Amino acid sequence: MRRRPAPRSVALGEMSSFEPTVAHPVRLRIRSLPADTHFDPHRHAFAQLAFCARGVLQVMAAQEVADEVTYIVPPSRAVWIEPGARHAVHVLEHAEFRTLYLHASVTPPGWTGCRVLMVSPLLRELIEALDGCRDAARERLLSALVLDEMQRAQTQPLGVPLPASGGDKRLRALCEAVLRAPGERASLGAWAADVGASERTMARLFRSELGTGYQQWRLQAVLAHALPMLANGVPVGQVAAATGYASESAFSAMFKAAMGQPPRHFQPRRA
């Protein structure tokens, strides 16, 4: 098996010119990042919308350490990171990274925690239009439209929660093993035995530390693995096999029930 290179941690770089203010509540930063680029955990006083025009990101975010969630972000999705949330970014595939920094004063009412947004064609074009905008009046109009479109965007529960670093090490080891092998259809009992615990103990830990059952958690892990593959045009049958499904039809039925659309809806449109 070909070994991936070690993640390359990079500095955030100069931030003062991108920091949002009341007068300029939306700031855009554009970067082209090679695969395996990694931004270490950090936090901002302002909110952030992480999006890539091309490529795939992995975003880990937490308001409190116990609420750490990992998100896989294909170009059709973006992650809203609330002000003050500790987060890290890892580039899974070469990404044209677009970061919107948003002043805390424009945080939509009721938006607590982090969430995944569907990126509409309009929101995508508005983000691109902000690049290089030098006209103050136009910038205000574009920013207002970005905020309005963002609030109208559909959200999806695509985060995969991970145990706190100070939590039960067996649960952490089990979750990381499942994420490394999303096609393995082993039972919770089999995974539990691998980490030296009983099935009952691990079921209790999933509920107490992650607030969900194992099957629901694994479904989120499978979707997180499948979405970037679909976004890159991998045939549905291959995605089904990679996520442990014996047939394309079984995978498609699961996917449509979870996402509301069949898997082909998330693949690139053919010219």
C-alpha atoms as a PDB file:
ATOM      1  CA  MET A   1       0.000   0.000   0.000  1.00  0.00           C
ATOM      2  CA  ARG A   2       1.324   3.420  -0.923  1.00  0.00           C
ATOM      3  CA  ARG A   3       1.988   5.489   2.173  1.00  0.00           C
ATOM      4  CA  ARG A   4       0.634   9.058   2.198  1.00  0.00           C
ATOM      5  CA  PRO A   5       3.198  11.740   3.097  1.00  0.00           C
ATOM      6  CA  ALA A   6       3.050  13.143   6.593  1.00  0.00           C
ATOM      7  CA  PRO A   7       0.793  16.189   6.988  1.00  0.00           C
ATOM      8  CA  ARG A   8       2.649  19.460   6.431  1.00  0.00           C
ATOM      9  CA  SER A   9       1.730  21.984   9.100  1.00  0.00           C
ATOM     10  CA  VAL A  10       1.689  25.548   7.830  1.00  0.00           C
ATOM     11  CA  ALA A  11       1.323  28.849   9.653  1.00  0.00           C
ATOM     12  CA  LEU A  12      -1.886  30.826   9.400  1.00  0.00           C
ATOM     13  CA  GLY A  13       0.086  33.764   8.090  1.00  0.00           C
ATOM     14  CA  GLU A  14      -0.650  37.452   8.469  1.00  0.00           C
ATOM     15  CA  MET A  15      -4.260  37.923   9.587  1.00  0.00           C
ATOM     16  CA  SER A  16      -4.686  41.656  10.206  1.00  0.00           C
ATOM     17  CA  SER A  17      -5.722  42.477   6.625  1.00  0.00           C
ATOM     18  CA  PHE A  18      -8.388  39.753   6.726  1.00  0.00           C
ATOM     19  CA  GLU A  19      -9.869  40.435  10.159  1.00  0.00           C
ATOM     20  CA  PRO A  20     -13.516  41.508   9.794  1.00  0.00           C
ATOM     21  CA  THR A  21     -14.826  44.693  11.383  1.00  0.00           C
ATOM     22  CA  VAL A  22     -18.231  46.273  11.886  1.00  0.00           C
ATOM     23  CA  ALA A  23     -17.604  48.402   8.795  1.00  0.00           C
ATOM     24  CA  HIS A  24     -16.331  45.405   6.790  1.00  0.00           C
ATOM     25  CA  PRO A  25     -18.119  42.401   8.353  1.00  0.00           C
ATOM     26  CA  VAL A  26     -17.232  39.941   5.568  1.00  0.00           C
ATOM     27  CA  ARG A  27     -13.638  39.356   4.482  1.00  0.00           C
ATOM     28  CA  LEU A  28     -12.469  36.807   1.916  1.00  0.00           C
ATOM     29  CA  ARG A  29      -9.171  34.952   1.871  1.00  0.00           C
ATOM     30  CA  ILE A  30      -8.177  32.736  -1.074  1.00  0.00           C
ATOM     31  CA  ARG A  31      -5.413  30.136  -0.965  1.00  0.00           C
ATOM     32  CA  SER A  32      -4.312  27.247  -3.169  1.00  0.00           C
ATOM     33  CA  LEU A  33      -3.253  24.424  -0.842  1.00  0.00           C
ATOM     34  CA  PRO A  34      -1.601  21.107  -1.759  1.00  0.00           C
ATOM     35  CA  ALA A  35      -2.837  17.825  -0.338  1.00  0.00           C
ATOM     36  CA  ASP A  36      -1.768  17.060   3.244  1.00  0.00           C
ATOM     37  CA  THR A  37      -1.445  20.719   4.204  1.00  0.00           C
ATOM     38  CA  HIS A  38      -2.499  21.083   7.837  1.00  0.00           C
ATOM     39  CA  PHE A  39      -3.428  24.088   9.964  1.00  0.00           C
ATOM     40  CA  ASP A  40      -2.944  23.279  13.645  1.00  0.00           C
ATOM     41  CA  PRO A  41      -5.811  23.874  16.119  1.00  0.00           C
ATOM     42  CA  HIS A  42      -6.519  27.571  16.675  1.00  0.00           C
ATOM     43  CA  ARG A  43      -9.442  29.922  17.266  1.00  0.00           C
ATOM     44  CA  HIS A  44     -10.665  33.377  16.204  1.00  0.00           C
ATOM     45  CA  ALA A  45     -12.925  35.950  17.854  1.00  0.00           C
ATOM     46  CA  PHE A  46     -14.891  36.016  14.588  1.00  0.00           C
ATOM     47  CA  ALA A  47     -16.819  33.358  12.663  1.00  0.00           C
ATOM     48  CA  GLN A  48     -15.530  31.530   9.612  1.00  0.00           C
ATOM     49  CA  LEU A  49     -17.062  29.826   6.589  1.00  0.00           C
ATOM     50  CA  ALA A  50     -14.656  27.207   5.197  1.00  0.00           C
ATOM     51  CA  PHE A  51     -15.284  26.296   1.572  1.00  0.00           C
ATOM     52  CA  CYS A  52     -13.265  25.003  -1.373  1.00  0.00           C
ATOM     53  CA  ALA A  53     -13.991  25.714  -5.027  1.00  0.00           C
ATOM     54  CA  ARG A  54     -12.084  22.504  -5.818  1.00  0.00           C
ATOM     55  CA  GLY A  55     -10.643  19.761  -3.655  1.00  0.00           C
ATOM     56  CA  VAL A  56     -11.667  18.218  -0.344  1.00  0.00           C
ATOM     57  CA  LEU A  57     -11.064  19.449   3.209  1.00  0.00           C
ATOM     58  CA  GLN A  58     -11.271  17.829   6.618  1.00  0.00           C
ATOM     59  CA  VAL A  59     -12.267  20.313   9.291  1.00  0.00           C
ATOM     60  CA  MET A  60     -12.137  19.496  13.007  1.00  0.00           C
ATOM     61  CA  ALA A  61     -14.040  21.931  15.197  1.00  0.00           C
ATOM     62  CA  ALA A  62     -15.102  22.220  18.811  1.00  0.00           C
ATOM     63  CA  GLN A  63     -16.573  24.961  20.992  1.00  0.00           C
ATOM     64  CA  GLU A  64     -15.588  22.883  23.980  1.00  0.00           C
ATOM     65  CA  VAL A  65     -13.011  20.098  23.793  1.00  0.00           C
ATOM     66  CA  ALA A  66     -15.696  17.490  24.573  1.00  0.00           C
ATOM     67  CA  ASP A  67     -17.673  18.504  21.470  1.00  0.00           C
ATOM     68  CA  GLU A  68     -14.984  17.830  18.855  1.00  0.00           C
ATOM     69  CA  VAL A  69     -16.501  17.020  15.455  1.00  0.00           C
ATOM     70  CA  THR A  70     -14.781  16.193  12.184  1.00  0.00           C
ATOM     71  CA  TYR A  71     -16.345  17.286   8.886  1.00  0.00           C
ATOM     72  CA  ILE A  72     -15.442  16.163   5.363  1.00  0.00           C
ATOM     73  CA  VAL A  73     -16.035  19.121   3.035  1.00  0.00           C
ATOM     74  CA  PRO A  74     -16.411  18.585  -0.735  1.00  0.00           C
ATOM     75  CA  PRO A  75     -16.953  21.616  -3.019  1.00  0.00           C
ATOM     76  CA  SER A  76     -20.744  21.359  -2.690  1.00  0.00           C
ATOM     77  CA  ARG A  77     -20.572  22.014   1.053  1.00  0.00           C
ATOM     78  CA  ALA A  78     -19.109  24.550   3.498  1.00  0.00           C
ATOM     79  CA  VAL A  79     -18.563  24.500   7.250  1.00  0.00           C
ATOM     80  CA  TRP A  80     -19.725  27.372   9.446  1.00  0.00           C
ATOM     81  CA  ILE A  81     -17.380  27.733  12.443  1.00  0.00           C
ATOM     82  CA  GLU A  82     -18.818  29.891  15.192  1.00  0.00           C
ATOM     83  CA  PRO A  83     -16.794  32.689  16.870  1.00  0.00           C
ATOM     84  CA  GLY A  84     -14.354  31.340  19.426  1.00  0.00           C
ATOM     85  CA  ALA A  85     -14.594  27.700  18.301  1.00  0.00           C
ATOM     86  CA  ARG A  86     -11.297  25.816  18.356  1.00  0.00           C
ATOM     87  CA  HIS A  87     -10.702  24.292  14.921  1.00  0.00           C
ATOM     88  CA  ALA A  88      -8.102  22.736  12.626  1.00  0.00           C
ATOM     89  CA  VAL A  89      -8.053  22.164   8.863  1.00  0.00           C
ATOM     90  CA  HIS A  90      -6.453  19.325   6.910  1.00  0.00           C
ATOM     91  CA  VAL A  91      -6.390  19.270   3.101  1.00  0.00           C
ATOM     92  CA  LEU A  92      -7.278  15.788   1.821  1.00  0.00           C
ATOM     93  CA  GLU A  93      -7.029  16.681  -1.881  1.00  0.00           C
ATOM     94  CA  HIS A  94      -5.417  19.736  -3.503  1.00  0.00           C
ATOM     95  CA  ALA A  95      -7.837  22.535  -2.653  1.00  0.00           C
ATOM     96  CA  GLU A  96      -8.712  25.968  -3.936  1.00  0.00           C
ATOM     97  CA  PHE A  97      -9.563  27.161  -0.433  1.00  0.00           C
ATOM     98  CA  ARG A  98     -11.985  30.009   0.157  1.00  0.00           C
ATOM     99  CA  THR A  99     -12.312  31.326   3.704  1.00  0.00           C
ATOM    100  CA  LEU A 100     -14.937  33.889   4.643  1.00  0.00           C
ATOM    101  CA  TYR A 101     -14.169  35.624   7.931  1.00  0.00           C
ATOM    102  CA  LEU A 102     -17.343  37.086   9.421  1.00  0.00           C
ATOM    103  CA  HIS A 103     -17.626  39.621  12.231  1.00  0.00           C
ATOM    104  CA  ALA A 104     -19.438  38.300  15.295  1.00  0.00           C
ATOM    105  CA  SER A 105     -22.073  41.018  14.863  1.00  0.00           C
ATOM    106  CA  VAL A 106     -23.406  39.315  11.711  1.00  0.00           C
ATOM    107  CA  THR A 107     -23.761  35.861  13.244  1.00  0.00           C
ATOM    108  CA  PRO A 108     -27.293  34.718  12.298  1.00  0.00           C
ATOM    109  CA  PRO A 109     -29.731  34.503  15.244  1.00  0.00           C
ATOM    110  CA  GLY A 110     -29.723  31.095  16.854  1.00  0.00           C
ATOM    111  CA  TRP A 111     -26.556  29.899  15.143  1.00  0.00           C
ATOM    112  CA  THR A 112     -24.644  28.193  17.939  1.00  0.00           C
ATOM    113  CA  GLY A 113     -22.061  25.512  17.386  1.00  0.00           C
ATOM    114  CA  CYS A 114     -20.764  24.561  13.956  1.00  0.00           C
ATOM    115  CA  ARG A 115     -22.763  23.325  10.978  1.00  0.00           C
ATOM    116  CA  VAL A 116     -22.502  22.131   7.387  1.00  0.00           C
ATOM    117  CA  LEU A 117     -24.164  24.298   4.722  1.00  0.00           C
ATOM    118  CA  MET A 118     -25.094  23.383   1.163  1.00  0.00           C
ATOM    119  CA  VAL A 119     -23.341  25.810  -1.189  1.00  0.00           C
ATOM    120  CA  SER A 120     -25.786  27.136  -3.788  1.00  0.00           C
ATOM    121  CA  PRO A 121     -24.556  28.293  -7.217  1.00  0.00           C
ATOM    122  CA  LEU A 122     -25.415  31.860  -6.171  1.00  0.00           C
ATOM    123  CA  LEU A 123     -23.387  31.676  -2.956  1.00  0.00           C
ATOM    124  CA  ARG A 124     -20.463  30.228  -4.897  1.00  0.00           C
ATOM    125  CA  GLU A 125     -20.534  33.109  -7.402  1.00  0.00           C
ATOM    126  CA  LEU A 126     -20.951  35.750  -4.683  1.00  0.00           C
ATOM    127  CA  ILE A 127     -17.853  34.447  -2.901  1.00  0.00           C
ATOM    128  CA  GLU A 128     -15.857  34.629  -6.138  1.00  0.00           C
ATOM    129  CA  ALA A 129     -17.185  38.156  -6.832  1.00  0.00           C
ATOM    130  CA  LEU A 130     -15.787  39.373  -3.506  1.00  0.00           C
ATOM    131  CA  ASP A 131     -12.289  38.494  -4.660  1.00  0.00           C
ATOM    132  CA  GLY A 132     -10.477  41.678  -5.538  1.00  0.00           C
ATOM    133  CA  CYS A 133     -13.514  43.904  -4.985  1.00  0.00           C
ATOM    134  CA  ARG A 134     -12.202  47.441  -4.402  1.00  0.00           C
ATOM    135  CA  ASP A 135     -15.460  49.399  -4.562  1.00  0.00           C
ATOM    136  CA  ALA A 136     -16.798  49.983  -1.032  1.00  0.00           C
ATOM    137  CA  ALA A 137     -20.443  50.241  -2.088  1.00  0.00           C
ATOM    138  CA  ARG A 138     -20.231  47.059  -4.166  1.00  0.00           C
ATOM    139  CA  GLU A 139     -18.478  45.275  -1.318  1.00  0.00           C
ATOM    140  CA  ARG A 140     -21.339  46.162   1.055  1.00  0.00           C
ATOM    141  CA  LEU A 141     -23.924  44.873  -1.419  1.00  0.00           C
ATOM    142  CA  LEU A 142     -22.044  41.634  -2.076  1.00  0.00           C
ATOM    143  CA  SER A 143     -21.473  41.088   1.645  1.00  0.00           C
ATOM    144  CA  ALA A 144     -25.175  41.584   2.393  1.00  0.00           C
ATOM    145  CA  LEU A 145     -26.103  39.080  -0.312  1.00  0.00           C
ATOM    146  CA  VAL A 146     -23.535  36.561   0.986  1.00  0.00           C
ATOM    147  CA  LEU A 147     -25.017  36.798   4.475  1.00  0.00           C
ATOM    148  CA  ASP A 148     -28.572  36.474   3.170  1.00  0.00           C
ATOM    149  CA  GLU A 149     -27.773  33.476   0.961  1.00  0.00           C
ATOM    150  CA  MET A 150     -25.810  31.836   3.761  1.00  0.00           C
ATOM    151  CA  GLN A 151     -28.778  32.092   6.121  1.00  0.00           C
ATOM    152  CA  ARG A 152     -31.069  30.598   3.461  1.00  0.00           C
ATOM    153  CA  ALA A 153     -28.731  27.661   2.817  1.00  0.00           C
ATOM    154  CA  GLN A 154     -29.904  24.218   3.797  1.00  0.00           C
ATOM    155  CA  THR A 155     -27.946  22.568   6.594  1.00  0.00           C
ATOM    156  CA  GLN A 156     -26.988  18.913   6.828  1.00  0.00           C
ATOM    157  CA  PRO A 157     -25.918  16.839   9.863  1.00  0.00           C
ATOM    158  CA  LEU A 158     -22.701  15.603   8.281  1.00  0.00           C
ATOM    159  CA  GLY A 159     -20.286  15.998  11.169  1.00  0.00           C
ATOM    160  CA  VAL A 160     -18.693  12.924  12.708  1.00  0.00           C
ATOM    161  CA  PRO A 161     -18.237  13.551  16.452  1.00  0.00           C
ATOM    162  CA  LEU A 162     -15.029  12.309  18.039  1.00  0.00           C
ATOM    163  CA  PRO A 163     -14.405  11.660  21.727  1.00  0.00           C
ATOM    164  CA  ALA A 164     -12.587  14.278  23.758  1.00  0.00           C
ATOM    165  CA  SER A 165      -8.842  13.770  24.004  1.00  0.00           C
ATOM    166  CA  GLY A 166      -9.277  13.381  27.767  1.00  0.00           C
ATOM    167  CA  GLY A 167     -12.126  10.874  27.389  1.00  0.00           C
ATOM    168  CA  ASP A 168     -12.118   7.098  27.268  1.00  0.00           C
ATOM    169  CA  LYS A 169      -9.120   5.977  25.195  1.00  0.00           C
ATOM    170  CA  ARG A 170     -10.867   2.796  24.056  1.00  0.00           C
ATOM    171  CA  LEU A 171     -13.698   4.789  22.489  1.00  0.00           C
ATOM    172  CA  ARG A 172     -11.221   7.104  20.772  1.00  0.00           C
ATOM    173  CA  ALA A 173      -9.267   4.133  19.404  1.00  0.00           C
ATOM    174  CA  LEU A 174     -12.445   2.462  18.133  1.00  0.00           C
ATOM    175  CA  CYS A 175     -13.680   5.613  16.381  1.00  0.00           C
ATOM    176  CA  GLU A 176     -10.330   6.237  14.722  1.00  0.00           C
ATOM    177  CA  ALA A 177     -10.186   2.598  13.556  1.00  0.00           C
ATOM    178  CA  VAL A 178     -13.633   2.848  11.956  1.00  0.00           C
ATOM    179  CA  LEU A 179     -12.705   6.113  10.219  1.00  0.00           C
ATOM    180  CA  ARG A 180      -9.563   4.459   8.823  1.00  0.00           C
ATOM    181  CA  ALA A 181     -11.601   1.525   7.472  1.00  0.00           C
ATOM    182  CA  PRO A 182     -15.098   2.784   6.541  1.00  0.00           C
ATOM    183  CA  GLY A 183     -15.674  -0.291   4.352  1.00  0.00           C
ATOM    184  CA  GLU A 184     -15.289  -2.716   7.251  1.00  0.00           C
ATOM    185  CA  ARG A 185     -18.763  -3.897   8.300  1.00  0.00           C
ATOM    186  CA  ALA A 186     -17.676  -5.407  11.628  1.00  0.00           C
ATOM    187  CA  SER A 187     -20.181  -5.332  14.468  1.00  0.00           C
ATOM    188  CA  LEU A 188     -19.761  -3.095  17.491  1.00  0.00           C
ATOM    189  CA  GLY A 189     -18.895  -6.225  19.456  1.00  0.00           C
ATOM    190  CA  ALA A 190     -16.011  -7.045  17.091  1.00  0.00           C
ATOM    191  CA  TRP A 191     -14.658  -3.487  17.182  1.00  0.00           C
ATOM    192  CA  ALA A 192     -15.023  -3.464  20.979  1.00  0.00           C
ATOM    193  CA  ALA A 193     -13.020  -6.686  21.306  1.00  0.00           C
ATOM    194  CA  ASP A 194     -10.194  -5.116  19.294  1.00  0.00           C
ATOM    195  CA  VAL A 195      -9.845  -2.333  21.873  1.00  0.00           C
ATOM    196  CA  GLY A 196     -10.252  -4.603  24.892  1.00  0.00           C
ATOM    197  CA  ALA A 197     -13.812  -3.746  25.937  1.00  0.00           C
ATOM    198  CA  SER A 198     -17.245  -5.336  25.911  1.00  0.00           C
ATOM    199  CA  GLU A 199     -19.968  -4.392  23.435  1.00  0.00           C
ATOM    200  CA  ARG A 200     -22.157  -3.159  26.298  1.00  0.00           C
ATOM    201  CA  THR A 201     -19.377  -0.893  27.598  1.00  0.00           C
ATOM    202  CA  MET A 202     -18.752   0.642  24.172  1.00  0.00           C
ATOM    203  CA  ALA A 203     -22.469   1.166  23.538  1.00  0.00           C
ATOM    204  CA  ARG A 204     -22.679   3.018  26.852  1.00  0.00           C
ATOM    205  CA  LEU A 205     -19.626   5.146  25.981  1.00  0.00           C
ATOM    206  CA  PHE A 206     -21.080   6.127  22.604  1.00  0.00           C
ATOM    207  CA  ARG A 207     -24.198   7.386  24.363  1.00  0.00           C
ATOM    208  CA  SER A 208     -22.468   9.101  27.271  1.00  0.00           C
ATOM    209  CA  GLU A 209     -19.519  10.704  25.408  1.00  0.00           C
ATOM    210  CA  LEU A 210     -20.918  11.264  21.905  1.00  0.00           C
ATOM    211  CA  GLY A 211     -24.657  11.411  22.534  1.00  0.00           C
ATOM    212  CA  THR A 212     -25.456   8.882  19.809  1.00  0.00           C
ATOM    213  CA  GLY A 213     -25.595   5.155  19.153  1.00  0.00           C
ATOM    214  CA  TYR A 214     -22.887   3.298  17.279  1.00  0.00           C
ATOM    215  CA  GLN A 215     -24.980   2.627  14.147  1.00  0.00           C
ATOM    216  CA  GLN A 216     -25.980   6.281  13.765  1.00  0.00           C
ATOM    217  CA  TRP A 217     -22.374   7.371  14.348  1.00  0.00           C
ATOM    218  CA  ARG A 218     -21.090   4.883  11.764  1.00  0.00           C
ATOM    219  CA  LEU A 219     -23.662   6.123   9.238  1.00  0.00           C
ATOM    220  CA  GLN A 220     -22.233   9.637   9.587  1.00  0.00           C
ATOM    221  CA  ALA A 221     -18.719   8.244   9.117  1.00  0.00           C
ATOM    222  CA  VAL A 222     -19.803   6.400   5.953  1.00  0.00           C
ATOM    223  CA  LEU A 223     -21.456   9.518   4.510  1.00  0.00           C
ATOM    224  CA  ALA A 224     -18.362  11.592   5.311  1.00  0.00           C
ATOM    225  CA  HIS A 225     -16.258   9.074   3.381  1.00  0.00           C
ATOM    226  CA  ALA A 226     -18.687   8.710   0.472  1.00  0.00           C
ATOM    227  CA  LEU A 227     -19.412  12.378  -0.268  1.00  0.00           C
ATOM    228  CA  PRO A 228     -15.948  13.449  -1.441  1.00  0.00           C
ATOM    229  CA  MET A 229     -15.686  10.301  -3.578  1.00  0.00           C
ATOM    230  CA  LEU A 230     -18.989  11.119  -5.266  1.00  0.00           C
ATOM    231  CA  ALA A 231     -17.951  14.767  -5.683  1.00  0.00           C
ATOM    232  CA  ASN A 232     -14.863  13.551  -7.530  1.00  0.00           C
ATOM    233  CA  GLY A 233     -16.921  11.470  -9.952  1.00  0.00           C
ATOM    234  CA  VAL A 234     -16.160   8.003  -8.557  1.00  0.00           C
ATOM    235  CA  PRO A 235     -18.826   5.577  -9.857  1.00  0.00           C
ATOM    236  CA  VAL A 236     -21.565   4.835  -7.348  1.00  0.00           C
ATOM    237  CA  GLY A 237     -20.798   1.117  -7.407  1.00  0.00           C
ATOM    238  CA  GLN A 238     -17.190   1.760  -6.391  1.00  0.00           C
ATOM    239  CA  VAL A 239     -18.296   4.096  -3.596  1.00  0.00           C
ATOM    240  CA  ALA A 240     -20.714   1.425  -2.378  1.00  0.00           C
ATOM    241  CA  ALA A 241     -17.921  -1.162  -2.241  1.00  0.00           C
ATOM    242  CA  ALA A 242     -15.536   1.264  -0.524  1.00  0.00           C
ATOM    243  CA  THR A 243     -18.083   1.869   2.241  1.00  0.00           C
ATOM    244  CA  GLY A 244     -18.883  -1.801   2.836  1.00  0.00           C
ATOM    245  CA  TYR A 245     -22.120  -2.240   0.883  1.00  0.00           C
ATOM    246  CA  ALA A 246     -22.656  -5.474  -1.030  1.00  0.00           C
ATOM    247  CA  SER A 247     -24.643  -3.781  -3.791  1.00  0.00           C
ATOM    248  CA  GLU A 248     -25.051  -0.379  -5.393  1.00  0.00           C
ATOM    249  CA  SER A 249     -28.814  -0.493  -4.767  1.00  0.00           C
ATOM    250  CA  ALA A 250     -28.406  -1.057  -1.022  1.00  0.00           C
ATOM    251  CA  PHE A 251     -25.952   1.817  -0.767  1.00  0.00           C
ATOM    252  CA  SER A 252     -28.202   4.104  -2.847  1.00  0.00           C
ATOM    253  CA  ALA A 253     -31.219   3.335  -0.655  1.00  0.00           C
ATOM    254  CA  MET A 254     -29.262   4.164   2.508  1.00  0.00           C
ATOM    255  CA  PHE A 255     -27.821   7.314   0.976  1.00  0.00           C
ATOM    256  CA  LYS A 256     -31.145   8.668  -0.275  1.00  0.00           C
ATOM    257  CA  ALA A 257     -32.799   8.008   3.093  1.00  0.00           C
ATOM    258  CA  ALA A 258     -30.021   9.939   4.866  1.00  0.00           C
ATOM    259  CA  MET A 259     -29.445  12.768   2.371  1.00  0.00           C
ATOM    260  CA  GLY A 260     -32.816  13.166   0.693  1.00  0.00           C
ATOM    261  CA  GLN A 261     -31.219  12.773  -2.765  1.00  0.00           C
ATOM    262  CA  PRO A 262     -29.693   9.784  -4.592  1.00  0.00           C
ATOM    263  CA  PRO A 263     -25.881   9.590  -4.728  1.00  0.00           C
ATOM    264  CA  ARG A 264     -25.744  10.635  -8.392  1.00  0.00           C
ATOM    265  CA  HIS A 265     -27.159  14.014  -7.363  1.00  0.00           C
ATOM    266  CA  PHE A 266     -23.807  14.728  -5.647  1.00  0.00           C
ATOM    267  CA  GLN A 267     -21.651  13.784  -8.629  1.00  0.00           C
ATOM    268  CA  PRO A 268     -20.297  16.297 -11.174  1.00  0.00           C
ATOM    269  CA  ARG A 269     -22.719  17.184 -13.945  1.00  0.00           C
ATOM    270  CA  ARG A 270     -21.650  15.846 -17.334  1.00  0.00           C
ATOM    271  CA  ALA A 271     -21.241  18.411 -20.073  1.00  0.00           C
END
